Amino acid sequence: VKKNRCDWVGNDPLMISYHDREWGVPVHADGELFEFLILEGAQAGL
């Protein structure tokens, strides 16, 4: 059965895994929050 996902995900296995396991899951660990803040900043323009 094909799962219904957010339209932005596409077919890339890496994006599918990220969407299905991480994106939108509440994070409270400081280290993970820091990682996401840095990675989101690194993404600027990319």
PDB file of all heavy atoms in Angstrom:
ATOM      1  N   VAL A   1       0.847  -1.185   0.000  1.00  0.00           N
ATOM      2  CA  VAL A   1       0.000   0.000   0.000  1.00  0.00           C
ATOM      3  C   VAL A   1       0.886   1.239   0.000  1.00  0.00           C
ATOM      4  O   VAL A   1       1.795   1.363   0.817  1.00  0.00           O
ATOM      5  CB  VAL A   1      -0.934   0.007   1.239  1.00  0.00           C
ATOM      6  CG1 VAL A   1      -1.751   1.272   1.299  1.00  0.00           C
ATOM      7  CG2 VAL A   1      -1.819  -1.220   1.240  1.00  0.00           C
ATOM      8  N   LYS A   2       0.596   2.148  -0.919  1.00  0.00           N
ATOM      9  CA  LYS A   2       1.368   3.396  -1.008  1.00  0.00           C
ATOM     10  C   LYS A   2       0.879   4.355   0.071  1.00  0.00           C
ATOM     11  O   LYS A   2      -0.318   4.579   0.212  1.00  0.00           O
ATOM     12  CB  LYS A   2       1.190   4.021  -2.398  1.00  0.00           C
ATOM     13  CG  LYS A   2       2.022   5.267  -2.599  1.00  0.00           C
ATOM     14  CD  LYS A   2       1.773   5.830  -3.999  1.00  0.00           C
ATOM     15  CE  LYS A   2       2.639   7.002  -4.313  1.00  0.00           C
ATOM     16  NZ  LYS A   2       2.405   8.187  -3.535  1.00  0.00           N
ATOM     17  N   LYS A   3       1.818   4.889   0.828  1.00  0.00           N
ATOM     18  CA  LYS A   3       1.466   5.841   1.889  1.00  0.00           C
ATOM     19  C   LYS A   3       1.291   7.229   1.304  1.00  0.00           C
ATOM     20  O   LYS A   3       2.053   7.644   0.440  1.00  0.00           O
ATOM     21  CB  LYS A   3       2.555   5.872   2.966  1.00  0.00           C
ATOM     22  CG  LYS A   3       2.649   4.606   3.764  1.00  0.00           C
ATOM     23  CD  LYS A   3       3.717   4.730   4.838  1.00  0.00           C
ATOM     24  CE  LYS A   3       3.767   3.466   5.668  1.00  0.00           C
ATOM     25  NZ  LYS A   3       4.774   3.549   6.728  1.00  0.00           N
ATOM     26  N   ASN A   4       0.309   7.930   1.810  1.00  0.00           N
ATOM     27  CA  ASN A   4       0.104   9.327   1.445  1.00  0.00           C
ATOM     28  C   ASN A   4       1.074  10.180   2.246  1.00  0.00           C
ATOM     29  O   ASN A   4       1.067  10.126   3.484  1.00  0.00           O
ATOM     30  CB  ASN A   4      -1.332   9.753   1.790  1.00  0.00           C
ATOM     31  CG  ASN A   4      -2.113  10.139   0.586  1.00  0.00           C
ATOM     32  OD1 ASN A   4      -1.562  10.269  -0.500  1.00  0.00           O
ATOM     33  ND2 ASN A   4      -3.402  10.335   0.776  1.00  0.00           N
ATOM     34  N   ARG A   5       1.923  10.938   1.562  1.00  0.00           N
ATOM     35  CA  ARG A   5       2.893  11.801   2.224  1.00  0.00           C
ATOM     36  C   ARG A   5       2.661  13.250   1.822  1.00  0.00           C
ATOM     37  O   ARG A   5       1.940  13.537   0.867  1.00  0.00           O
ATOM     38  CB  ARG A   5       4.319  11.406   1.833  1.00  0.00           C
ATOM     39  CG  ARG A   5       4.751  10.080   2.378  1.00  0.00           C
ATOM     40  CD  ARG A   5       6.214   9.773   2.048  1.00  0.00           C
ATOM     41  NE  ARG A   5       6.629   8.566   2.715  1.00  0.00           N
ATOM     42  CZ  ARG A   5       6.470   7.341   2.227  1.00  0.00           C
ATOM     43  NH1 ARG A   5       5.909   7.160   1.042  1.00  0.00           N
ATOM     44  NH2 ARG A   5       6.871   6.292   2.921  1.00  0.00           N
ATOM     45  N   CYS A   6       3.322  14.153   2.514  1.00  0.00           N
ATOM     46  CA  CYS A   6       3.288  15.568   2.148  1.00  0.00           C
ATOM     47  C   CYS A   6       3.795  15.715   0.715  1.00  0.00           C
ATOM     48  O   CYS A   6       4.717  14.997   0.298  1.00  0.00           O
ATOM     49  CB  CYS A   6       4.157  16.383   3.098  1.00  0.00           C
ATOM     50  SG  CYS A   6       3.563  16.398   4.801  1.00  0.00           S
ATOM     51  N   ASP A   7       3.217  16.643  -0.017  1.00  0.00           N
ATOM     52  CA  ASP A   7       3.549  16.821  -1.433  1.00  0.00           C
ATOM     53  C   ASP A   7       5.014  17.166  -1.684  1.00  0.00           C
ATOM     54  O   ASP A   7       5.544  16.868  -2.744  1.00  0.00           O
ATOM     55  CB  ASP A   7       2.663  17.910  -2.054  1.00  0.00           C
ATOM     56  CG  ASP A   7       1.204  17.505  -2.138  1.00  0.00           C
ATOM     57  OD1 ASP A   7       0.904  16.289  -2.086  1.00  0.00           O
ATOM     58  OD2 ASP A   7       0.350  18.413  -2.255  1.00  0.00           O
ATOM     59  N   TRP A   8       5.681  17.791  -0.728  1.00  0.00           N
ATOM     60  CA  TRP A   8       7.062  18.240  -0.933  1.00  0.00           C
ATOM     61  C   TRP A   8       8.078  17.106  -0.893  1.00  0.00           C
ATOM     62  O   TRP A   8       9.222  17.280  -1.308  1.00  0.00           O
ATOM     63  CB  TRP A   8       7.460  19.312   0.095  1.00  0.00           C
ATOM     64  CG  TRP A   8       7.351  18.895   1.540  1.00  0.00           C
ATOM     65  CD1 TRP A   8       6.306  19.136   2.385  1.00  0.00           C
ATOM     66  CD2 TRP A   8       8.320  18.178   2.318  1.00  0.00           C
ATOM     67  NE1 TRP A   8       6.558  18.596   3.626  1.00  0.00           N
ATOM     68  CE2 TRP A   8       7.793  18.011   3.616  1.00  0.00           C
ATOM     69  CE3 TRP A   8       9.582  17.654   2.034  1.00  0.00           C
ATOM     70  CZ2 TRP A   8       8.473  17.356   4.633  1.00  0.00           C
ATOM     71  CZ3 TRP A   8      10.269  16.990   3.051  1.00  0.00           C
ATOM     72  CH2 TRP A   8       9.717  16.848   4.336  1.00  0.00           C
ATOM     73  N   VAL A   9       7.693  15.941  -0.420  1.00  0.00           N
ATOM     74  CA  VAL A   9       8.653  14.869  -0.175  1.00  0.00           C
ATOM     75  C   VAL A   9       9.304  14.337  -1.457  1.00  0.00           C
ATOM     76  O   VAL A   9      10.515  14.160  -1.503  1.00  0.00           O
ATOM     77  CB  VAL A   9       8.000  13.714   0.620  1.00  0.00           C
ATOM     78  CG1 VAL A   9       8.996  12.575   0.826  1.00  0.00           C
ATOM     79  CG2 VAL A   9       7.485  14.221   1.949  1.00  0.00           C
ATOM     80  N   GLY A  10       8.515  14.078  -2.474  1.00  0.00           N
ATOM     81  CA  GLY A  10       9.071  13.532  -3.717  1.00  0.00           C
ATOM     82  C   GLY A  10       9.437  12.065  -3.586  1.00  0.00           C
ATOM     83  O   GLY A  10       8.930  11.358  -2.708  1.00  0.00           O
ATOM     84  N   ASN A  11      10.375  11.597  -4.432  1.00  0.00           N
ATOM     85  CA  ASN A  11      10.734  10.176  -4.495  1.00  0.00           C
ATOM     86  C   ASN A  11      12.110   9.835  -3.946  1.00  0.00           C
ATOM     87  O   ASN A  11      12.514   8.678  -3.966  1.00  0.00           O
ATOM     88  CB  ASN A  11      10.654   9.688  -5.948  1.00  0.00           C
ATOM     89  CG  ASN A  11       9.245   9.791  -6.488  1.00  0.00           C
ATOM     90  OD1 ASN A  11       8.290   9.484  -5.792  1.00  0.00           O
ATOM     91  ND2 ASN A  11       9.112  10.247  -7.722  1.00  0.00           N
ATOM     92  N   ASP A  12      12.853  10.838  -3.495  1.00  0.00           N
ATOM     93  CA  ASP A  12      14.201  10.594  -2.976  1.00  0.00           C
ATOM     94  C   ASP A  12      14.105   9.793  -1.678  1.00  0.00           C
ATOM     95  O   ASP A  12      13.461  10.237  -0.716  1.00  0.00           O
ATOM     96  CB  ASP A  12      14.890  11.941  -2.734  1.00  0.00           C
ATOM     97  CG  ASP A  12      16.328  11.804  -2.252  1.00  0.00           C
ATOM     98  OD1 ASP A  12      16.633  10.874  -1.481  1.00  0.00           O
ATOM     99  OD2 ASP A  12      17.146  12.655  -2.642  1.00  0.00           O
ATOM    100  N   PRO A  13      14.739   8.616  -1.614  1.00  0.00           N
ATOM    101  CA  PRO A  13      14.667   7.785  -0.401  1.00  0.00           C
ATOM    102  C   PRO A  13      15.137   8.510   0.866  1.00  0.00           C
ATOM    103  O   PRO A  13      14.587   8.282   1.944  1.00  0.00           O
ATOM    104  CB  PRO A  13      15.585   6.598  -0.713  1.00  0.00           C
ATOM    105  CG  PRO A  13      15.656   6.548  -2.203  1.00  0.00           C
ATOM    106  CD  PRO A  13      15.511   7.971  -2.677  1.00  0.00           C
ATOM    107  N   LEU A  14      16.125   9.381   0.732  1.00  0.00           N
ATOM    108  CA  LEU A  14      16.626  10.145   1.883  1.00  0.00           C
ATOM    109  C   LEU A  14      15.550  11.100   2.404  1.00  0.00           C
ATOM    110  O   LEU A  14      15.330  11.202   3.614  1.00  0.00           O
ATOM    111  CB  LEU A  14      17.891  10.914   1.478  1.00  0.00           C
ATOM    112  CG  LEU A  14      18.745  11.481   2.593  1.00  0.00           C
ATOM    113  CD1 LEU A  14      19.222  10.407   3.562  1.00  0.00           C
ATOM    114  CD2 LEU A  14      19.949  12.204   1.991  1.00  0.00           C
ATOM    115  N   MET A  15      14.863  11.776   1.480  1.00  0.00           N
ATOM    116  CA  MET A  15      13.789  12.692   1.876  1.00  0.00           C
ATOM    117  C   MET A  15      12.607  11.928   2.462  1.00  0.00           C
ATOM    118  O   MET A  15      11.988  12.378   3.433  1.00  0.00           O
ATOM    119  CB  MET A  15      13.338  13.534   0.680  1.00  0.00           C
ATOM    120  CG  MET A  15      14.335  14.592   0.263  1.00  0.00           C
ATOM    121  SD  MET A  15      14.575  15.896   1.488  1.00  0.00           S
ATOM    122  CE  MET A  15      13.154  16.918   1.132  1.00  0.00           C
ATOM    123  N   ILE A  16      12.297  10.776   1.885  1.00  0.00           N
ATOM    124  CA  ILE A  16      11.193   9.960   2.398  1.00  0.00           C
ATOM    125  C   ILE A  16      11.493   9.518   3.829  1.00  0.00           C
ATOM    126  O   ILE A  16      10.653   9.641   4.726  1.00  0.00           O
ATOM    127  CB  ILE A  16      10.928   8.744   1.473  1.00  0.00           C
ATOM    128  CG1 ILE A  16      10.346   9.228   0.138  1.00  0.00           C
ATOM    129  CG2 ILE A  16       9.998   7.735   2.148  1.00  0.00           C
ATOM    130  CD1 ILE A  16      10.266   8.150  -0.943  1.00  0.00           C
ATOM    131  N   SER A  17      12.702   9.042   4.056  1.00  0.00           N
ATOM    132  CA  SER A  17      13.106   8.609   5.392  1.00  0.00           C
ATOM    133  C   SER A  17      13.050   9.777   6.382  1.00  0.00           C
ATOM    134  O   SER A  17      12.543   9.628   7.504  1.00  0.00           O
ATOM    135  CB  SER A  17      14.513   8.017   5.345  1.00  0.00           C
ATOM    136  OG  SER A  17      14.936   7.673   6.628  1.00  0.00           O
ATOM    137  N   TYR A  18      13.581  10.925   5.981  1.00  0.00           N
ATOM    138  CA  TYR A  18      13.556  12.114   6.842  1.00  0.00           C
ATOM    139  C   TYR A  18      12.116  12.496   7.175  1.00  0.00           C
ATOM    140  O   TYR A  18      11.776  12.729   8.340  1.00  0.00           O
ATOM    141  CB  TYR A  18      14.292  13.269   6.145  1.00  0.00           C
ATOM    142  CG  TYR A  18      14.165  14.579   6.869  1.00  0.00           C
ATOM    143  CD1 TYR A  18      14.793  14.770   8.101  1.00  0.00           C
ATOM    144  CD2 TYR A  18      13.411  15.629   6.339  1.00  0.00           C
ATOM    145  CE1 TYR A  18      14.659  15.968   8.781  1.00  0.00           C
ATOM    146  CE2 TYR A  18      13.281  16.825   7.014  1.00  0.00           C
ATOM    147  CZ  TYR A  18      13.904  16.992   8.238  1.00  0.00           C
ATOM    148  OH  TYR A  18      13.770  18.173   8.911  1.00  0.00           O
ATOM    149  N   HIS A  19      11.271  12.550   6.172  1.00  0.00           N
ATOM    150  CA  HIS A  19       9.864  12.906   6.376  1.00  0.00           C
ATOM    151  C   HIS A  19       9.184  11.898   7.307  1.00  0.00           C
ATOM    152  O   HIS A  19       8.492  12.280   8.246  1.00  0.00           O
ATOM    153  CB  HIS A  19       9.126  12.950   5.033  1.00  0.00           C
ATOM    154  CG  HIS A  19       7.641  13.063   5.166  1.00  0.00           C
ATOM    155  ND1 HIS A  19       6.828  11.949   5.264  1.00  0.00           N
ATOM    156  CD2 HIS A  19       6.833  14.145   5.231  1.00  0.00           C
ATOM    157  CE1 HIS A  19       5.572  12.350   5.393  1.00  0.00           C
ATOM    158  NE2 HIS A  19       5.551  13.680   5.365  1.00  0.00           N
ATOM    159  N   ASP A  20       9.368  10.625   7.055  1.00  0.00           N
ATOM    160  CA  ASP A  20       8.650   9.589   7.779  1.00  0.00           C
ATOM    161  C   ASP A  20       9.123   9.399   9.212  1.00  0.00           C
ATOM    162  O   ASP A  20       8.353   8.955  10.062  1.00  0.00           O
ATOM    163  CB  ASP A  20       8.776   8.241   7.055  1.00  0.00           C
ATOM    164  CG  ASP A  20       8.026   8.194   5.730  1.00  0.00           C
ATOM    165  OD1 ASP A  20       7.411   9.216   5.339  1.00  0.00           O
ATOM    166  OD2 ASP A  20       8.065   7.128   5.078  1.00  0.00           O
ATOM    167  N   ARG A  21      10.378   9.737   9.484  1.00  0.00           N
ATOM    168  CA  ARG A  21      10.937   9.466  10.811  1.00  0.00           C
ATOM    169  C   ARG A  21      11.214  10.697  11.668  1.00  0.00           C
ATOM    170  O   ARG A  21      11.193  10.601  12.896  1.00  0.00           O
ATOM    171  CB  ARG A  21      12.239   8.681  10.665  1.00  0.00           C
ATOM    172  CG  ARG A  21      12.033   7.329  10.063  1.00  0.00           C
ATOM    173  CD  ARG A  21      13.321   6.574   9.973  1.00  0.00           C
ATOM    174  NE  ARG A  21      13.081   5.294   9.317  1.00  0.00           N
ATOM    175  CZ  ARG A  21      14.007   4.596   8.722  1.00  0.00           C
ATOM    176  NH1 ARG A  21      15.245   5.012   8.708  1.00  0.00           N
ATOM    177  NH2 ARG A  21      13.712   3.461   8.141  1.00  0.00           N
ATOM    178  N   GLU A  22      11.517  11.830  11.028  1.00  0.00           N
ATOM    179  CA  GLU A  22      11.986  12.971  11.809  1.00  0.00           C
ATOM    180  C   GLU A  22      11.135  14.234  11.710  1.00  0.00           C
ATOM    181  O   GLU A  22      10.854  14.865  12.724  1.00  0.00           O
ATOM    182  CB  GLU A  22      13.408  13.359  11.370  1.00  0.00           C
ATOM    183  CG  GLU A  22      14.469  12.373  11.738  1.00  0.00           C
ATOM    184  CD  GLU A  22      15.836  12.891  11.362  1.00  0.00           C
ATOM    185  OE1 GLU A  22      16.390  13.732  12.101  1.00  0.00           O
ATOM    186  OE2 GLU A  22      16.347  12.470  10.306  1.00  0.00           O
ATOM    187  N   TRP A  23      10.809  14.626  10.483  1.00  0.00           N
ATOM    188  CA  TRP A  23      10.206  15.941  10.272  1.00  0.00           C
ATOM    189  C   TRP A  23       8.906  16.090  11.044  1.00  0.00           C
ATOM    190  O   TRP A  23       7.994  15.280  10.924  1.00  0.00           O
ATOM    191  CB  TRP A  23       9.974  16.182   8.782  1.00  0.00           C
ATOM    192  CG  TRP A  23       9.667  17.608   8.438  1.00  0.00           C
ATOM    193  CD1 TRP A  23      10.539  18.652   8.432  1.00  0.00           C
ATOM    194  CD2 TRP A  23       8.412  18.156   8.018  1.00  0.00           C
ATOM    195  NE1 TRP A  23       9.913  19.812   8.041  1.00  0.00           N
ATOM    196  CE2 TRP A  23       8.598  19.528   7.781  1.00  0.00           C
ATOM    197  CE3 TRP A  23       7.145  17.604   7.826  1.00  0.00           C
ATOM    198  CZ2 TRP A  23       7.572  20.374   7.362  1.00  0.00           C
ATOM    199  CZ3 TRP A  23       6.118  18.437   7.404  1.00  0.00           C
ATOM    200  CH2 TRP A  23       6.336  19.804   7.182  1.00  0.00           C
ATOM    201  N   GLY A  24       8.857  17.106  11.873  1.00  0.00           N
ATOM    202  CA  GLY A  24       7.649  17.395  12.628  1.00  0.00           C
ATOM    203  C   GLY A  24       7.530  16.680  13.949  1.00  0.00           C
ATOM    204  O   GLY A  24       6.577  16.912  14.700  1.00  0.00           O
ATOM    205  N   VAL A  25       8.481  15.825  14.282  1.00  0.00           N
ATOM    206  CA  VAL A  25       8.457  15.131  15.568  1.00  0.00           C
ATOM    207  C   VAL A  25       9.062  16.069  16.622  1.00  0.00           C
ATOM    208  O   VAL A  25      10.175  16.566  16.438  1.00  0.00           O
ATOM    209  CB  VAL A  25       9.261  13.811  15.513  1.00  0.00           C
ATOM    210  CG1 VAL A  25       9.310  13.149  16.882  1.00  0.00           C
ATOM    211  CG2 VAL A  25       8.673  12.878  14.464  1.00  0.00           C
ATOM    212  N   PRO A  26       8.342  16.347  17.714  1.00  0.00           N
ATOM    213  CA  PRO A  26       8.868  17.258  18.732  1.00  0.00           C
ATOM    214  C   PRO A  26      10.234  16.821  19.274  1.00  0.00           C
ATOM    215  O   PRO A  26      10.412  15.675  19.681  1.00  0.00           O
ATOM    216  CB  PRO A  26       7.794  17.229  19.821  1.00  0.00           C
ATOM    217  CG  PRO A  26       6.531  16.924  19.071  1.00  0.00           C
ATOM    218  CD  PRO A  26       6.963  15.936  18.015  1.00  0.00           C
ATOM    219  N   VAL A  27      11.169  17.755  19.228  1.00  0.00           N
ATOM    220  CA  VAL A  27      12.539  17.535  19.705  1.00  0.00           C
ATOM    221  C   VAL A  27      12.763  18.400  20.942  1.00  0.00           C
ATOM    222  O   VAL A  27      12.457  19.597  20.931  1.00  0.00           O
ATOM    223  CB  VAL A  27      13.567  17.912  18.611  1.00  0.00           C
ATOM    224  CG1 VAL A  27      14.995  17.852  19.156  1.00  0.00           C
ATOM    225  CG2 VAL A  27      13.410  17.018  17.391  1.00  0.00           C
ATOM    226  N   HIS A  28      13.299  17.781  21.993  1.00  0.00           N
ATOM    227  CA  HIS A  28      13.575  18.532  23.222  1.00  0.00           C
ATOM    228  C   HIS A  28      15.023  18.400  23.686  1.00  0.00           C
ATOM    229  O   HIS A  28      15.427  19.063  24.633  1.00  0.00           O
ATOM    230  CB  HIS A  28      12.615  18.099  24.329  1.00  0.00           C
ATOM    231  CG  HIS A  28      11.199  18.509  24.058  1.00  0.00           C
ATOM    232  ND1 HIS A  28      10.744  19.802  24.234  1.00  0.00           N
ATOM    233  CD2 HIS A  28      10.149  17.802  23.576  1.00  0.00           C
ATOM    234  CE1 HIS A  28       9.472  19.879  23.896  1.00  0.00           C
ATOM    235  NE2 HIS A  28       9.083  18.678  23.489  1.00  0.00           N
ATOM    236  N   ALA A  29      15.797  17.560  23.032  1.00  0.00           N
ATOM    237  CA  ALA A  29      17.205  17.397  23.401  1.00  0.00           C
ATOM    238  C   ALA A  29      18.006  18.577  22.850  1.00  0.00           C
ATOM    239  O   ALA A  29      17.941  18.870  21.651  1.00  0.00           O
ATOM    240  CB  ALA A  29      17.746  16.085  22.853  1.00  0.00           C
ATOM    241  N   ASP A  30      18.738  19.254  23.707  1.00  0.00           N
ATOM    242  CA  ASP A  30      19.490  20.442  23.303  1.00  0.00           C
ATOM    243  C   ASP A  30      20.421  20.189  22.125  1.00  0.00           C
ATOM    244  O   ASP A  30      20.509  21.007  21.214  1.00  0.00           O
ATOM    245  CB  ASP A  30      20.291  21.000  24.486  1.00  0.00           C
ATOM    246  CG  ASP A  30      19.466  21.903  25.390  1.00  0.00           C
ATOM    247  OD1 ASP A  30      18.219  21.933  25.239  1.00  0.00           O
ATOM    248  OD2 ASP A  30      20.069  22.577  26.241  1.00  0.00           O
ATOM    249  N   GLY A  31      21.124  19.071  22.134  1.00  0.00           N
ATOM    250  CA  GLY A  31      22.062  18.770  21.054  1.00  0.00           C
ATOM    251  C   GLY A  31      21.370  18.659  19.705  1.00  0.00           C
ATOM    252  O   GLY A  31      21.865  19.175  18.698  1.00  0.00           O
ATOM    253  N   GLU A  32      20.211  18.010  19.677  1.00  0.00           N
ATOM    254  CA  GLU A  32      19.458  17.880  18.428  1.00  0.00           C
ATOM    255  C   GLU A  32      18.897  19.226  17.979  1.00  0.00           C
ATOM    256  O   GLU A  32      18.886  19.534  16.785  1.00  0.00           O
ATOM    257  CB  GLU A  32      18.319  16.876  18.588  1.00  0.00           C
ATOM    258  CG  GLU A  32      18.768  15.440  18.688  1.00  0.00           C
ATOM    259  CD  GLU A  32      17.590  14.500  18.884  1.00  0.00           C
ATOM    260  OE1 GLU A  32      16.749  14.418  17.966  1.00  0.00           O
ATOM    261  OE2 GLU A  32      17.517  13.872  19.957  1.00  0.00           O
ATOM    262  N   LEU A  33      18.431  20.010  18.924  1.00  0.00           N
ATOM    263  CA  LEU A  33      17.915  21.340  18.585  1.00  0.00           C
ATOM    264  C   LEU A  33      19.026  22.196  17.975  1.00  0.00           C
ATOM    265  O   LEU A  33      18.808  22.883  16.977  1.00  0.00           O
ATOM    266  CB  LEU A  33      17.321  22.023  19.825  1.00  0.00           C
ATOM    267  CG  LEU A  33      16.023  21.423  20.351  1.00  0.00           C
ATOM    268  CD1 LEU A  33      15.710  21.957  21.748  1.00  0.00           C
ATOM    269  CD2 LEU A  33      14.867  21.704  19.392  1.00  0.00           C
ATOM    270  N   PHE A  34      20.207  22.123  18.567  1.00  0.00           N
ATOM    271  CA  PHE A  34      21.342  22.886  18.041  1.00  0.00           C
ATOM    272  C   PHE A  34      21.701  22.406  16.638  1.00  0.00           C
ATOM    273  O   PHE A  34      21.928  23.210  15.725  1.00  0.00           O
ATOM    274  CB  PHE A  34      22.548  22.773  18.984  1.00  0.00           C
ATOM    275  CG  PHE A  34      23.744  23.553  18.526  1.00  0.00           C
ATOM    276  CD1 PHE A  34      23.702  24.936  18.454  1.00  0.00           C
ATOM    277  CD2 PHE A  34      24.913  22.905  18.164  1.00  0.00           C
ATOM    278  CE1 PHE A  34      24.812  25.665  18.024  1.00  0.00           C
ATOM    279  CE2 PHE A  34      26.028  23.625  17.740  1.00  0.00           C
ATOM    280  CZ  PHE A  34      25.974  25.008  17.671  1.00  0.00           C
ATOM    281  N   GLU A  35      21.734  21.098  16.442  1.00  0.00           N
ATOM    282  CA  GLU A  35      22.038  20.549  15.119  1.00  0.00           C
ATOM    283  C   GLU A  35      21.052  21.070  14.078  1.00  0.00           C
ATOM    284  O   GLU A  35      21.450  21.544  13.007  1.00  0.00           O
ATOM    285  CB  GLU A  35      21.985  19.019  15.152  1.00  0.00           C
ATOM    286  CG  GLU A  35      22.182  18.388  13.782  1.00  0.00           C
ATOM    287  CD  GLU A  35      22.152  16.868  13.790  1.00  0.00           C
ATOM    288  OE1 GLU A  35      22.275  16.235  14.867  1.00  0.00           O
ATOM    289  OE2 GLU A  35      22.021  16.294  12.696  1.00  0.00           O
ATOM    290  N   PHE A  36      19.758  21.000  14.371  1.00  0.00           N
ATOM    291  CA  PHE A  36      18.761  21.463  13.404  1.00  0.00           C
ATOM    292  C   PHE A  36      18.890  22.964  13.133  1.00  0.00           C
ATOM    293  O   PHE A  36      18.747  23.405  11.998  1.00  0.00           O
ATOM    294  CB  PHE A  36      17.339  21.128  13.863  1.00  0.00           C
ATOM    295  CG  PHE A  36      16.892  19.771  13.432  1.00  0.00           C
ATOM    296  CD1 PHE A  36      16.740  18.751  14.358  1.00  0.00           C
ATOM    297  CD2 PHE A  36      16.621  19.498  12.098  1.00  0.00           C
ATOM    298  CE1 PHE A  36      16.325  17.489  13.965  1.00  0.00           C
ATOM    299  CE2 PHE A  36      16.207  18.237  11.686  1.00  0.00           C
ATOM    300  CZ  PHE A  36      16.056  17.225  12.625  1.00  0.00           C
ATOM    301  N   LEU A  37      19.181  23.744  14.170  1.00  0.00           N
ATOM    302  CA  LEU A  37      19.330  25.190  13.964  1.00  0.00           C
ATOM    303  C   LEU A  37      20.511  25.479  13.033  1.00  0.00           C
ATOM    304  O   LEU A  37      20.403  26.295  12.117  1.00  0.00           O
ATOM    305  CB  LEU A  37      19.508  25.898  15.307  1.00  0.00           C
ATOM    306  CG  LEU A  37      19.402  27.410  15.274  1.00  0.00           C
ATOM    307  CD1 LEU A  37      17.997  27.855  14.844  1.00  0.00           C
ATOM    308  CD2 LEU A  37      19.725  27.989  16.642  1.00  0.00           C
ATOM    309  N   ILE A  38      21.602  24.768  13.223  1.00  0.00           N
ATOM    310  CA  ILE A  38      22.779  24.958  12.375  1.00  0.00           C
ATOM    311  C   ILE A  38      22.504  24.479  10.950  1.00  0.00           C
ATOM    312  O   ILE A  38      22.830  25.159   9.974  1.00  0.00           O
ATOM    313  CB  ILE A  38      24.011  24.230  12.974  1.00  0.00           C
ATOM    314  CG1 ILE A  38      24.380  24.819  14.342  1.00  0.00           C
ATOM    315  CG2 ILE A  38      25.201  24.283  12.005  1.00  0.00           C
ATOM    316  CD1 ILE A  38      24.586  26.324  14.384  1.00  0.00           C
ATOM    317  N   LEU A  39      21.887  23.323  10.813  1.00  0.00           N
ATOM    318  CA  LEU A  39      21.605  22.791   9.484  1.00  0.00           C
ATOM    319  C   LEU A  39      20.603  23.657   8.724  1.00  0.00           C
ATOM    320  O   LEU A  39      20.740  23.849   7.515  1.00  0.00           O
ATOM    321  CB  LEU A  39      21.118  21.345   9.566  1.00  0.00           C
ATOM    322  CG  LEU A  39      22.161  20.321  10.034  1.00  0.00           C
ATOM    323  CD1 LEU A  39      21.531  18.939  10.176  1.00  0.00           C
ATOM    324  CD2 LEU A  39      23.361  20.285   9.110  1.00  0.00           C
ATOM    325  N   GLU A  40      19.608  24.182   9.412  1.00  0.00           N
ATOM    326  CA  GLU A  40      18.648  25.071   8.745  1.00  0.00           C
ATOM    327  C   GLU A  40      19.349  26.334   8.255  1.00  0.00           C
ATOM    328  O   GLU A  40      19.076  26.820   7.166  1.00  0.00           O
ATOM    329  CB  GLU A  40      17.474  25.425   9.664  1.00  0.00           C
ATOM    330  CG  GLU A  40      16.539  24.274   9.962  1.00  0.00           C
ATOM    331  CD  GLU A  40      15.750  23.756   8.766  1.00  0.00           C
ATOM    332  OE1 GLU A  40      15.736  24.402   7.695  1.00  0.00           O
ATOM    333  OE2 GLU A  40      15.140  22.680   8.907  1.00  0.00           O
ATOM    334  N   GLY A  41      20.283  26.859   9.044  1.00  0.00           N
ATOM    335  CA  GLY A  41      21.057  28.015   8.605  1.00  0.00           C
ATOM    336  C   GLY A  41      21.958  27.691   7.435  1.00  0.00           C
ATOM    337  O   GLY A  41      22.121  28.486   6.510  1.00  0.00           O
ATOM    338  N   ALA A  42      22.527  26.492   7.448  1.00  0.00           N
ATOM    339  CA  ALA A  42      23.388  26.059   6.341  1.00  0.00           C
ATOM    340  C   ALA A  42      22.587  25.918   5.052  1.00  0.00           C
ATOM    341  O   ALA A  42      23.113  26.091   3.954  1.00  0.00           O
ATOM    342  CB  ALA A  42      24.063  24.731   6.689  1.00  0.00           C
ATOM    343  N   GLN A  43      21.309  25.612   5.192  1.00  0.00           N
ATOM    344  CA  GLN A  43      20.456  25.414   4.027  1.00  0.00           C
ATOM    345  C   GLN A  43      20.164  26.714   3.286  1.00  0.00           C
ATOM    346  O   GLN A  43      19.840  26.682   2.097  1.00  0.00           O
ATOM    347  CB  GLN A  43      19.131  24.770   4.434  1.00  0.00           C
ATOM    348  CG  GLN A  43      18.231  24.514   3.246  1.00  0.00           C
ATOM    349  CD  GLN A  43      16.763  24.358   3.615  1.00  0.00           C
ATOM    350  OE1 GLN A  43      16.402  24.233   4.767  1.00  0.00           O
ATOM    351  NE2 GLN A  43      15.925  24.375   2.612  1.00  0.00           N
ATOM    352  N   ALA A  44      20.275  27.849   3.942  1.00  0.00           N
ATOM    353  CA  ALA A  44      19.906  29.139   3.320  1.00  0.00           C
ATOM    354  C   ALA A  44      20.435  29.227   1.893  1.00  0.00           C
ATOM    355  O   ALA A  44      21.625  29.086   1.644  1.00  0.00           O
ATOM    356  CB  ALA A  44      20.445  30.301   4.156  1.00  0.00           C
ATOM    357  N   GLY A  45      19.519  29.379   0.943  1.00  0.00           N
ATOM    358  CA  GLY A  45      19.882  29.483  -0.461  1.00  0.00           C
ATOM    359  C   GLY A  45      20.071  28.149  -1.160  1.00  0.00           C
ATOM    360  O   GLY A  45      20.397  28.112  -2.340  1.00  0.00           O
ATOM    361  N   LEU A  46      19.895  27.064  -0.425  1.00  0.00           N
ATOM    362  CA  LEU A  46      20.094  25.716  -0.974  1.00  0.00           C
ATOM    363  C   LEU A  46      18.850  24.863  -0.718  1.00  0.00           C
ATOM    364  O   LEU A  46      17.922  25.300  -0.057  1.00  0.00           O
ATOM    365  CB  LEU A  46      21.314  25.066  -0.303  1.00  0.00           C
ATOM    366  CG  LEU A  46      22.623  25.829  -0.392  1.00  0.00           C
ATOM    367  CD1 LEU A  46      23.657  25.238   0.551  1.00  0.00           C
ATOM    368  CD2 LEU A  46      23.136  25.825  -1.823  1.00  0.00           C
TER     369      LEU A  46
END
